[in-house]
Amino acid sequence: MLPLNALGFLTVVAYGTWFYGFGVLFTNLSSFHGVSSSTLGITFGVANLISGVGAVATGRRLDVFGPRAVLGVVGPLGAIVYGASSFATGTTFLATYALGGGMIGSAGFYSFTQPLAVRIAKTDAARAITRLTIWGAFSSPIMIPFTEILRANFGWQTAVRIPAVITAISFLLAAAVCRVDNVDSEKRPSLLASLRGALSDVRLRLFAAAAFLSSIAVSTLLVFQVPTMTWAGVSTATAAALASLRGLMQLAGRIPLLSAINRFTASRLIVISRFLLGISALFLLGSGNIALALIYIVFAGVTIGALSALDGVVAREIVQPQVFGTVMGGIGLIATLGGSLGPIFAGWLRDRFDSPVAPMFIVLIAACSSAIIFAIQQSISQKNQATQ
């Protein structure tokens, strides 16, 4: 289906610009602009925060009016601002980099594209979400080495500008082909009513808490995976290749996912995946050893790949379809708060101790705590089903 494929291509480049590209450009950005790891962590965190706040608005827009303005205006404008950051220096660079990245995220990340995929597919939500995330699994293996090639041969500015142009074009293509049925906005609850009603369900509150912690783990892991590998003794080029292979391994967590859900249930898989995500951080610390690096690639790749789809599938089971975009935007905001705080705190710890060990333990603790909360949530869901 053309609309889903267009959304898939958008996912590849939207995540691949500032989100995955940040780790590849980390050292160049720090030296060129004369800023610390913690300052760059704040920049990444602010971009995440803008993405999360914007996701509430774009999700609401999707529920009430459809996707055209978000895909046709917000996304391309964000790509332009992101590309323009490469012409700036110092504080101006940090501000435009964060604003452009945040706008791209609010219009092109899963908090918006998964509800849109469900609206386009109309029937099989799990299949639509899984297909979208299979596309997304190619983001790291394509965009990380692509960014590294541009950085190594043409400089970090080019590694920002060319992906920005590709991202703007992908937004416009998606806007041209993604159409959904018109909805009656008078039948929709207000934004606050939608969020308040959804969060009155204890299952969704626990889901949001677990998403917050999980986002701390994933964001910290992805931001610091390349710097951690180089700390462990791997060259930047090799680290970028290993990181892209980690991204490719996400396919192993997504292609067989529908069969795995049918056999084990999404709720059980979501708990197991988060525990394995935390454990993967320990293997990343030893990535100077190729065997440990490969174990990290498998654990992190499969679990992150599965979780991107599992979160949407589990949320779809407890959120009403007429407010799915709005609520997923709200959960996306809570998750991006975690995604913002994680790299900021981890960057401070890395500067403080001149080592990535503490940031990786943040990943371990946050991921395992998220798994425990999800297990509690599923226990409550099972009790509710038993009493009905």
Protein backbone atom coordinates (compact mmCIF):
# COMPACT_ATOMS: atom_id res chain seq x y z
CA MET A 1 0.00 0.00 0.00
CA LEU A 2 1.50 3.29 -1.19
CA PRO A 3 0.53 5.47 1.82
CA LEU A 4 2.06 3.02 4.30
CA ASN A 5 5.21 2.76 2.21
CA ALA A 6 5.44 6.56 2.05
CA LEU A 7 5.10 6.69 5.83
CA GLY A 8 7.74 4.00 6.10
CA PHE A 9 10.22 5.96 3.98
CA LEU A 10 9.45 9.04 6.07
CA THR A 11 10.21 7.04 9.22
CA VAL A 12 13.62 6.03 7.86
CA VAL A 13 14.76 9.60 7.19
CA ALA A 14 12.95 11.38 10.05
CA TYR A 15 14.62 9.19 12.68
CA GLY A 16 17.85 9.10 10.71
CA THR A 17 18.47 12.86 10.59
CA TRP A 18 18.98 14.31 14.07
CA PHE A 19 18.01 11.33 16.25
CA TYR A 20 20.42 8.71 14.92
CA GLY A 21 22.78 11.17 13.27
CA PHE A 22 23.43 12.92 16.57
CA GLY A 23 25.69 10.18 17.90
CA VAL A 24 27.73 10.10 14.69
CA LEU A 25 28.25 13.88 14.73
CA PHE A 26 28.69 14.11 18.51
CA THR A 27 32.47 14.62 18.59
CA ASN A 28 32.51 17.06 15.67
CA LEU A 29 29.70 19.14 17.13
CA SER A 30 31.44 19.31 20.49
CA SER A 31 34.82 20.39 19.09
CA PHE A 32 33.53 22.75 16.40
CA HIS A 33 31.18 24.66 18.70
CA GLY A 34 33.35 24.32 21.79
CA VAL A 35 30.64 22.79 23.97
CA SER A 36 30.68 19.96 26.50
CA SER A 37 28.99 16.57 26.35
CA SER A 38 26.41 17.76 28.85
CA THR A 39 25.55 20.79 26.70
CA LEU A 40 25.05 18.56 23.68
CA GLY A 41 22.99 16.24 25.85
CA ILE A 42 20.78 19.20 26.77
CA THR A 43 20.41 20.07 23.08
CA PHE A 44 19.32 16.55 22.26
CA GLY A 45 17.01 16.54 25.27
CA VAL A 46 15.38 19.83 24.26
CA ALA A 47 14.80 18.48 20.75
CA ASN A 48 13.11 15.45 22.31
CA LEU A 49 11.01 17.71 24.53
CA ILE A 50 9.87 19.85 21.59
CA SER A 51 9.04 16.65 19.73
CA GLY A 52 6.93 15.40 22.62
CA VAL A 53 5.03 18.64 23.17
CA GLY A 54 4.44 18.93 19.44
CA ALA A 55 3.22 15.32 19.25
CA VAL A 56 0.22 16.18 21.43
CA ALA A 57 -0.79 18.92 18.99
CA THR A 58 -0.10 16.88 15.85
CA GLY A 59 -1.93 13.86 17.29
CA ARG A 60 -4.96 16.01 18.05
CA ARG A 61 -4.79 17.48 14.56
CA LEU A 62 -4.79 13.95 13.12
CA ASP A 63 -7.82 12.87 15.17
CA VAL A 64 -9.89 15.90 14.18
CA PHE A 65 -8.70 17.14 10.80
CA GLY A 66 -6.38 14.55 9.29
CA PRO A 67 -2.63 14.49 8.50
CA ARG A 68 -2.16 16.89 5.58
CA ALA A 69 -1.10 20.06 7.44
CA VAL A 70 1.23 18.14 9.74
CA LEU A 71 2.96 16.29 6.90
CA GLY A 72 2.84 19.16 4.44
CA VAL A 73 3.80 22.10 6.68
CA VAL A 74 5.13 21.19 10.13
CA GLY A 75 7.47 18.43 8.98
CA PRO A 76 9.06 20.25 6.00
CA LEU A 77 9.46 23.43 8.06
CA GLY A 78 11.24 21.44 10.75
CA ALA A 79 13.59 19.96 8.15
CA ILE A 80 14.38 23.46 6.84
CA VAL A 81 15.16 24.75 10.34
CA TYR A 82 17.29 21.69 11.06
CA GLY A 83 19.25 22.17 7.83
CA ALA A 84 19.68 25.88 8.56
CA SER A 85 21.36 25.02 11.88
CA SER A 86 24.45 23.94 9.95
CA PHE A 87 25.03 27.56 8.93
CA ALA A 88 24.93 28.78 12.54
CA THR A 89 27.43 28.64 15.37
CA GLY A 90 27.36 28.46 19.15
CA THR A 91 24.05 29.06 20.88
CA THR A 92 22.23 29.80 17.62
CA PHE A 93 23.27 26.41 16.29
CA LEU A 94 22.12 24.63 19.45
CA ALA A 95 18.72 26.38 19.36
CA THR A 96 17.99 25.77 15.68
CA TYR A 97 19.27 22.20 15.83
CA ALA A 98 16.93 21.45 18.73
CA LEU A 99 13.93 23.27 17.23
CA GLY A 100 14.29 21.68 13.80
CA GLY A 101 14.81 18.22 15.24
CA GLY A 102 11.83 18.62 17.56
CA MET A 103 9.52 19.66 14.73
CA ILE A 104 10.67 16.71 12.62
CA GLY A 105 9.98 14.39 15.54
CA SER A 106 6.50 15.75 16.25
CA ALA A 107 5.45 15.14 12.64
CA GLY A 108 7.49 12.10 11.64
CA PHE A 109 8.06 9.91 14.70
CA TYR A 110 5.95 6.94 15.75
CA SER A 111 3.75 8.94 18.16
CA PHE A 112 2.21 10.49 15.03
CA THR A 113 2.85 7.96 12.27
CA GLN A 114 1.58 4.87 14.12
CA PRO A 115 -1.91 6.35 14.73
CA LEU A 116 -1.90 7.57 11.12
CA ALA A 117 -0.98 4.07 9.89
CA VAL A 118 -3.90 2.66 11.91
CA ARG A 119 -6.25 5.22 10.36
CA ILE A 120 -5.02 4.37 6.87
CA ALA A 121 -5.23 0.60 7.36
CA LYS A 122 -8.69 0.84 9.04
CA THR A 123 -8.81 -2.85 10.00
CA ASP A 124 -5.68 -4.69 11.15
CA ALA A 125 -3.94 -2.22 13.47
CA ALA A 126 -1.22 -4.64 14.60
CA ARG A 127 -0.25 -5.46 11.03
CA ALA A 128 -0.15 -1.78 10.01
CA ILE A 129 2.00 -0.82 13.00
CA THR A 130 4.36 -3.75 12.43
CA ARG A 131 4.74 -2.95 8.74
CA LEU A 132 5.55 0.67 9.56
CA THR A 133 8.16 -0.31 12.12
CA ILE A 134 9.74 -2.82 9.72
CA TRP A 135 10.42 0.17 7.48
CA GLY A 136 11.74 2.02 10.50
CA ALA A 137 14.26 -0.74 11.20
CA PHE A 138 16.19 0.40 8.12
CA SER A 139 16.74 3.88 9.56
CA SER A 140 19.89 3.06 11.55
CA PRO A 141 21.58 0.77 8.98
CA ILE A 142 20.96 3.30 6.20
CA MET A 143 21.22 6.69 7.85
CA ILE A 144 24.05 6.11 10.34
CA PRO A 145 26.62 5.00 7.72
CA PHE A 146 25.21 7.57 5.26
CA THR A 147 25.75 10.31 7.85
CA GLU A 148 29.25 8.99 8.59
CA ILE A 149 30.16 8.97 4.87
CA LEU A 150 28.99 12.56 4.52
CA ARG A 151 30.79 13.60 7.71
CA ALA A 152 34.07 11.91 6.85
CA ASN A 153 34.21 13.13 3.25
CA PHE A 154 32.42 16.48 3.23
CA GLY A 155 32.22 17.66 6.83
CA TRP A 156 29.54 17.67 9.51
CA GLN A 157 27.64 20.57 7.93
CA THR A 158 26.96 18.54 4.80
CA ALA A 159 25.97 15.60 7.02
CA VAL A 160 23.21 17.84 8.38
CA ARG A 161 22.10 19.58 5.17
CA ILE A 162 21.65 16.65 2.79
CA PRO A 163 19.56 14.54 5.22
CA ALA A 164 17.50 17.67 5.93
CA VAL A 165 16.67 18.05 2.23
CA ILE A 166 15.76 14.37 1.91
CA THR A 167 13.56 14.64 5.01
CA ALA A 168 11.66 17.67 3.66
CA ILE A 169 10.98 15.83 0.39
CA SER A 170 9.80 12.70 2.23
CA PHE A 171 7.31 14.75 4.26
CA LEU A 172 5.87 16.30 1.12
CA LEU A 173 5.56 12.88 -0.56
CA ALA A 174 3.72 11.48 2.46
CA ALA A 175 1.41 14.52 2.53
CA ALA A 176 0.53 13.91 -1.11
CA VAL A 177 -0.52 10.27 -0.70
CA CYS A 178 -1.74 9.90 2.91
CA ARG A 179 -5.47 10.51 3.09
CA VAL A 180 -7.92 9.46 5.79
CA ASP A 181 -11.69 9.60 6.10
CA ASN A 182 -13.16 12.88 7.27
CA VAL A 183 -14.27 12.96 10.89
CA ASP A 184 -16.93 14.94 12.71
CA SER A 185 -15.00 17.15 15.12
CA GLU A 186 -18.17 17.86 17.12
CA LYS A 187 -18.23 14.22 18.22
CA ARG A 188 -14.68 14.37 19.47
CA PRO A 189 -13.94 15.21 23.11
CA SER A 190 -11.68 18.18 23.73
CA LEU A 191 -7.93 17.73 23.97
CA LEU A 192 -7.89 17.91 27.77
CA ALA A 193 -10.97 15.68 28.05
CA SER A 194 -9.35 13.08 25.81
CA LEU A 195 -6.17 12.99 27.87
CA ARG A 196 -7.98 13.14 31.21
CA GLY A 197 -10.35 10.35 30.25
CA ALA A 198 -7.56 8.11 29.03
CA LEU A 199 -5.38 8.66 32.09
CA SER A 200 -8.27 7.81 34.41
CA ASP A 201 -7.48 4.18 33.48
CA VAL A 202 -4.78 2.89 35.85
CA ARG A 203 -3.47 0.63 33.08
CA LEU A 204 -2.70 3.64 30.91
CA ARG A 205 -1.08 5.51 33.80
CA LEU A 206 1.23 2.56 34.36
CA PHE A 207 1.85 2.36 30.61
CA ALA A 208 2.86 6.03 30.61
CA ALA A 209 5.19 5.55 33.60
CA ALA A 210 6.84 2.56 31.97
CA ALA A 211 7.17 4.47 28.69
CA PHE A 212 8.90 7.30 30.56
CA LEU A 213 11.51 4.98 32.05
CA SER A 214 11.92 3.01 28.84
CA SER A 215 12.54 6.20 26.91
CA ILE A 216 15.29 7.16 29.36
CA ALA A 217 16.94 3.82 28.63
CA VAL A 218 16.55 3.82 24.84
CA SER A 219 17.49 7.46 24.32
CA THR A 220 20.56 7.24 26.54
CA LEU A 221 21.66 4.01 24.88
CA LEU A 222 21.29 5.31 21.34
CA VAL A 223 22.89 8.70 22.00
CA PHE A 224 25.94 7.19 23.71
CA GLN A 225 26.35 3.91 21.82
CA VAL A 226 28.92 5.28 19.35
CA PRO A 227 30.86 7.30 21.98
CA THR A 228 30.82 4.24 24.28
CA MET A 229 32.19 2.02 21.54
CA THR A 230 35.01 4.45 20.81
CA TRP A 231 35.76 4.61 24.56
CA ALA A 232 35.98 0.81 24.52
CA GLY A 233 38.63 1.00 21.80
CA VAL A 234 36.64 0.90 18.55
CA SER A 235 37.33 3.43 15.76
CA THR A 236 34.60 5.92 14.88
CA ALA A 237 34.05 4.35 11.46
CA THR A 238 33.79 0.85 12.94
CA ALA A 239 31.51 2.10 15.71
CA ALA A 240 29.21 3.65 13.12
CA ALA A 241 29.17 0.34 11.21
CA LEU A 242 28.36 -1.60 14.39
CA ALA A 243 25.62 0.89 15.29
CA SER A 244 24.08 0.50 11.85
CA LEU A 245 24.23 -3.28 12.22
CA ARG A 246 22.42 -2.86 15.54
CA GLY A 247 19.75 -0.98 13.65
CA LEU A 248 19.54 -3.70 11.02
CA MET A 249 18.98 -6.26 13.77
CA GLN A 250 15.74 -4.43 14.58
CA LEU A 251 14.28 -6.35 11.66
CA ALA A 252 14.75 -9.54 13.67
CA GLY A 253 12.51 -8.02 16.30
CA ARG A 254 9.83 -6.92 13.83
CA ILE A 255 9.49 -9.31 10.89
CA PRO A 256 8.46 -12.31 13.05
CA LEU A 257 6.59 -10.12 15.55
CA LEU A 258 3.03 -10.94 14.50
CA SER A 259 3.70 -14.65 14.85
CA ALA A 260 5.43 -14.07 18.19
CA ILE A 261 2.46 -12.02 19.46
CA ASN A 262 0.06 -14.78 18.48
CA ARG A 263 2.15 -17.32 20.34
CA PHE A 264 3.31 -15.44 23.44
CA THR A 265 1.03 -12.30 23.57
CA ALA A 266 2.22 -8.72 23.21
CA SER A 267 2.01 -8.08 26.96
CA ARG A 268 4.48 -10.85 27.79
CA LEU A 269 6.89 -9.87 25.02
CA ILE A 270 6.93 -6.24 26.11
CA VAL A 271 8.20 -7.20 29.58
CA ILE A 272 10.88 -9.61 28.35
CA SER A 273 12.13 -7.13 25.76
CA ARG A 274 12.69 -4.40 28.31
CA PHE A 275 14.72 -6.65 30.58
CA LEU A 276 16.93 -7.64 27.64
CA LEU A 277 17.29 -3.97 26.68
CA GLY A 278 18.76 -3.19 30.09
CA ILE A 279 21.16 -6.12 29.95
CA SER A 280 22.39 -5.04 26.51
CA ALA A 281 23.97 -1.91 28.03
CA LEU A 282 26.41 -4.07 29.99
CA PHE A 283 27.60 -5.74 26.80
CA LEU A 284 28.01 -2.32 25.12
CA LEU A 285 30.60 -1.40 27.77
CA GLY A 286 32.67 -4.36 26.60
CA SER A 287 32.20 -3.67 22.88
CA GLY A 288 35.96 -3.46 22.38
CA ASN A 289 35.68 -7.25 22.35
CA ILE A 290 33.98 -8.26 19.12
CA ALA A 291 32.03 -11.10 20.74
CA LEU A 292 30.54 -8.76 23.36
CA ALA A 293 29.85 -6.16 20.67
CA LEU A 294 27.89 -8.73 18.66
CA ILE A 295 25.88 -9.74 21.74
CA TYR A 296 25.03 -6.06 22.28
CA ILE A 297 23.98 -5.72 18.65
CA VAL A 298 21.64 -8.72 18.91
CA PHE A 299 20.10 -7.86 22.29
CA ALA A 300 19.67 -4.14 21.67
CA GLY A 301 18.66 -4.52 18.03
CA VAL A 302 15.99 -7.17 18.56
CA THR A 303 14.50 -5.59 21.68
CA ILE A 304 14.38 -1.99 20.41
CA GLY A 305 12.96 -3.29 17.15
CA ALA A 306 10.22 -5.22 18.91
CA LEU A 307 9.38 -2.48 21.41
CA SER A 308 8.64 0.17 18.79
CA ALA A 309 5.79 -1.99 17.51
CA LEU A 310 4.79 -3.63 20.80
CA ASP A 311 4.16 -0.28 22.48
CA GLY A 312 1.73 0.71 19.75
CA VAL A 313 -0.02 -2.67 19.75
CA VAL A 314 -0.46 -2.73 23.55
CA ALA A 315 -1.60 0.90 23.63
CA ARG A 316 -4.13 0.19 20.88
CA GLU A 317 -5.69 -2.48 23.13
CA ILE A 318 -6.47 0.02 25.92
CA VAL A 319 -7.05 3.34 24.11
CA GLN A 320 -10.29 4.25 22.33
CA PRO A 321 -9.75 4.56 18.56
CA GLN A 322 -11.39 8.00 18.23
CA VAL A 323 -8.73 9.58 20.48
CA PHE A 324 -5.82 7.28 19.63
CA GLY A 325 -3.74 10.00 17.97
CA THR A 326 -4.24 12.46 20.81
CA VAL A 327 -3.51 9.94 23.56
CA MET A 328 -0.47 8.54 21.78
CA GLY A 329 0.75 12.12 21.44
CA GLY A 330 0.29 12.54 25.21
CA ILE A 331 2.16 9.32 25.92
CA GLY A 332 4.78 10.45 23.43
CA LEU A 333 5.20 13.66 25.43
CA ILE A 334 5.70 11.72 28.66
CA ALA A 335 8.13 9.38 26.92
CA THR A 336 10.12 12.24 25.43
CA LEU A 337 10.46 13.81 28.85
CA GLY A 338 12.31 10.65 29.76
CA GLY A 339 14.17 10.74 26.47
CA SER A 340 15.21 14.30 27.25
CA LEU A 341 16.27 13.80 30.86
CA GLY A 342 18.20 10.59 30.16
CA PRO A 343 20.85 12.04 27.81
CA ILE A 344 21.12 15.25 29.87
CA PHE A 345 21.88 13.38 33.10
CA ALA A 346 24.00 10.80 31.29
CA GLY A 347 26.01 13.56 29.59
CA TRP A 348 26.67 15.19 32.96
CA LEU A 349 27.81 11.88 34.43
CA ARG A 350 30.05 11.21 31.45
CA ASP A 351 31.72 14.60 31.90
CA ARG A 352 31.93 14.15 35.67
CA PHE A 353 33.63 10.75 35.57
CA ASP A 354 35.06 10.86 32.03
CA SER A 355 33.54 7.43 31.46
CA PRO A 356 30.34 5.96 29.94
CA VAL A 357 29.96 3.38 32.72
CA ALA A 358 27.47 5.42 34.77
CA PRO A 359 25.28 6.26 31.73
CA MET A 360 25.07 2.57 30.86
CA PHE A 361 23.95 1.73 34.39
CA ILE A 362 21.20 4.32 33.94
CA VAL A 363 20.09 2.30 30.92
CA LEU A 364 20.12 -0.92 32.93
CA ILE A 365 18.14 0.46 35.88
CA ALA A 366 15.59 2.39 33.81
CA ALA A 367 14.88 -0.49 31.41
CA CYS A 368 14.46 -3.10 34.16
CA SER A 369 12.25 -0.75 36.20
CA SER A 370 10.10 -0.23 33.11
CA ALA A 371 9.76 -3.99 32.67
CA ILE A 372 8.59 -4.39 36.27
CA ILE A 373 5.95 -1.67 35.87
CA PHE A 374 4.69 -3.27 32.67
CA ALA A 375 4.43 -6.60 34.48
CA ILE A 376 2.28 -4.92 37.15
CA GLN A 377 0.12 -3.35 34.47
CA GLN A 378 -0.47 -6.67 32.79
CA SER A 379 -1.36 -8.26 36.12
CA ILE A 380 -4.03 -5.60 36.65
CA SER A 381 -5.36 -6.11 33.12
CA GLN A 382 -5.68 -9.85 33.69
CA LYS A 383 -7.53 -9.31 36.98
CA ASN A 384 -9.94 -6.90 35.27
CA GLN A 385 -10.62 -9.42 32.53
CA ALA A 386 -11.22 -12.16 35.09
CA THR A 387 -13.85 -10.10 36.94
CA GLN A 388 -15.73 -9.07 33.80
